[in-house]
Amino acid sequence: MNVTRTALVLLALIAAATLTGCVTPPQPLYYWDGYQQQVYQRFENTSSAEEQIAALEESAQKARAADRTLPPGFHAHLGMLYAEIGKPDQVRQQFETEKAMFPESAQYMDFLMRKFAK
C-alpha cells in the first residue's frame, strides 16, 4: 500500500511538471517592439527624425496587425518627431491619440498642442 501511494504521488508530480512545461507565458501589457531603443537612439542623436518616424510607424503597424497596445508615450514621442520635421497635422493627430489611449496624459498633451499651435 505504501508503494501505491508513492507511485501516485510520483505520477502526480510528473503530470504537474509536464503541464507546467506546456503553459505559455503571459504577453506583456504593451507592444514595445524596440520602442525603448528608438527613444535612446534619438537622445543619443544616432538617427534622424525621419528614420525614427519610419521605425515607429512600422512598430505601430505591427502592433495593429497583432492587435496589441502601444506603450504610454509612444504617440507623444512620435508627435514630437513630427514637430521636428514640421508636420503640424501629424503632431496633433499623435497627441490626440496619446490623450485618448492614456487619459492621464491629457493635461500634458493639451499643453503641448497649445505650444505647437503657436
Protein backbone atom coordinates (compact mmCIF):
# COMPACT_ATOMS: atom_id res chain seq x y z
CA MET A 1 0.00 0.00 0.00
CA ASN A 2 2.91 2.34 0.70
CA VAL A 3 4.31 1.63 -2.77
CA THR A 4 0.98 2.52 -4.39
CA ARG A 5 0.79 5.82 -2.55
CA THR A 6 4.38 6.68 -3.51
CA ALA A 7 3.63 5.78 -7.13
CA LEU A 8 0.55 8.05 -7.13
CA VAL A 9 2.49 10.96 -5.65
CA LEU A 10 5.25 10.44 -8.22
CA LEU A 11 2.71 10.26 -11.04
CA ALA A 12 1.06 13.47 -9.82
CA LEU A 13 4.43 15.26 -9.72
CA ILE A 14 5.27 14.13 -13.25
CA ALA A 15 1.86 15.27 -14.50
CA ALA A 16 2.28 18.66 -12.82
CA ALA A 17 5.76 19.12 -14.29
CA THR A 18 4.52 18.17 -17.75
CA LEU A 19 1.58 20.57 -17.61
CA THR A 20 3.75 23.38 -16.28
CA GLY A 21 6.08 22.99 -19.25
CA CYS A 22 3.13 23.49 -21.63
CA VAL A 23 1.95 26.78 -20.17
CA THR A 24 2.63 29.77 -22.39
CA PRO A 25 3.90 32.81 -20.54
CA PRO A 26 1.57 35.82 -20.47
CA GLN A 27 2.14 38.52 -23.07
CA PRO A 28 3.45 41.87 -21.88
CA LEU A 29 0.80 44.54 -21.40
CA TYR A 30 2.26 46.73 -24.16
CA TYR A 31 3.84 46.07 -27.54
CA TRP A 32 7.30 47.58 -27.13
CA ASP A 33 8.99 46.30 -30.34
CA GLY A 34 12.19 48.26 -29.81
CA TYR A 35 10.47 51.49 -28.74
CA GLN A 36 12.82 51.99 -25.80
CA GLN A 37 15.83 51.53 -28.08
CA GLN A 38 14.35 54.04 -30.55
CA VAL A 39 13.98 56.65 -27.79
CA TYR A 40 17.53 56.02 -26.63
CA GLN A 41 18.90 56.37 -30.15
CA ARG A 42 17.03 59.65 -30.57
CA PHE A 43 18.50 61.12 -27.41
CA GLU A 44 21.94 59.95 -28.47
CA ASN A 45 21.41 61.58 -31.90
CA THR A 46 22.35 58.37 -33.69
CA SER A 47 19.36 58.55 -36.04
CA SER A 48 17.40 61.29 -37.76
CA ALA A 49 13.82 62.26 -37.02
CA GLU A 50 12.78 60.74 -40.36
CA GLU A 51 14.44 57.41 -39.51
CA GLN A 52 12.77 57.43 -36.10
CA ILE A 53 9.38 58.17 -37.60
CA ALA A 54 9.75 55.34 -40.11
CA ALA A 55 10.76 52.88 -37.37
CA LEU A 56 7.94 53.96 -35.03
CA GLU A 57 5.32 53.88 -37.79
CA GLU A 58 6.46 50.35 -38.65
CA SER A 59 6.15 49.35 -34.98
CA ALA A 60 2.65 50.86 -34.88
CA GLN A 61 1.64 48.81 -37.94
CA LYS A 62 2.99 45.63 -36.35
CA ALA A 63 1.10 46.38 -33.14
CA ARG A 64 -2.15 46.92 -35.05
CA ALA A 65 -1.62 43.69 -37.01
CA ALA A 66 -1.03 41.79 -33.75
CA ASP A 67 -3.95 43.58 -32.02
CA ARG A 68 -1.60 44.85 -29.32
CA THR A 69 -1.46 48.15 -27.43
CA LEU A 70 1.46 50.52 -27.85
CA PRO A 71 3.13 51.76 -24.65
CA PRO A 72 2.49 55.09 -22.93
CA GLY A 73 4.46 57.89 -24.54
CA PHE A 74 4.74 56.20 -27.93
CA HIS A 75 2.37 58.55 -29.73
CA ALA A 76 3.64 61.58 -27.82
CA HIS A 77 7.19 60.77 -28.88
CA LEU A 78 6.06 60.25 -32.46
CA GLY A 79 4.24 63.60 -32.32
CA MET A 80 7.40 65.34 -31.14
CA LEU A 81 9.31 63.82 -34.05
CA TYR A 82 6.67 65.08 -36.49
CA ALA A 83 7.05 68.52 -34.89
CA GLU A 84 10.77 68.43 -35.64
CA ILE A 85 10.12 67.95 -39.35
CA GLY A 86 7.27 70.47 -39.49
CA LYS A 87 4.13 68.35 -39.87
CA PRO A 88 1.61 70.03 -37.54
CA ASP A 89 -1.36 67.86 -38.63
CA GLN A 90 0.56 64.71 -37.71
CA VAL A 91 1.67 66.29 -34.42
CA ARG A 92 -1.92 66.97 -33.43
CA GLN A 93 -3.08 63.52 -34.52
CA GLN A 94 -0.38 61.77 -32.47
CA PHE A 95 -1.01 63.91 -29.39
CA GLU A 96 -4.76 63.30 -29.65
CA THR A 97 -4.12 59.55 -29.95
CA GLU A 98 -1.86 59.61 -26.88
CA LYS A 99 -4.53 61.52 -24.97
CA ALA A 100 -7.27 59.08 -25.99
CA MET A 101 -5.24 55.98 -25.11
CA PHE A 102 -3.89 57.35 -21.84
CA PRO A 103 -6.31 59.92 -20.36
CA GLU A 104 -3.86 60.69 -17.56
CA SER A 105 -1.68 62.39 -20.19
CA ALA A 106 -4.46 64.77 -21.32
CA GLN A 107 -3.23 67.83 -19.46
CA TYR A 108 0.31 67.46 -20.81
CA MET A 109 -0.87 66.68 -24.35
CA ASP A 110 -3.13 69.77 -24.27
CA PHE A 111 -0.16 71.84 -23.11
CA LEU A 112 1.98 70.52 -25.95
CA MET A 113 -0.76 71.12 -28.53
CA ARG A 114 -1.10 74.72 -27.36
CA LYS A 115 2.66 75.14 -27.55
CA PHE A 116 2.90 73.78 -31.08
CA ALA A 117 -0.16 75.70 -32.26
CA LYS A 118 1.73 78.99 -31.84
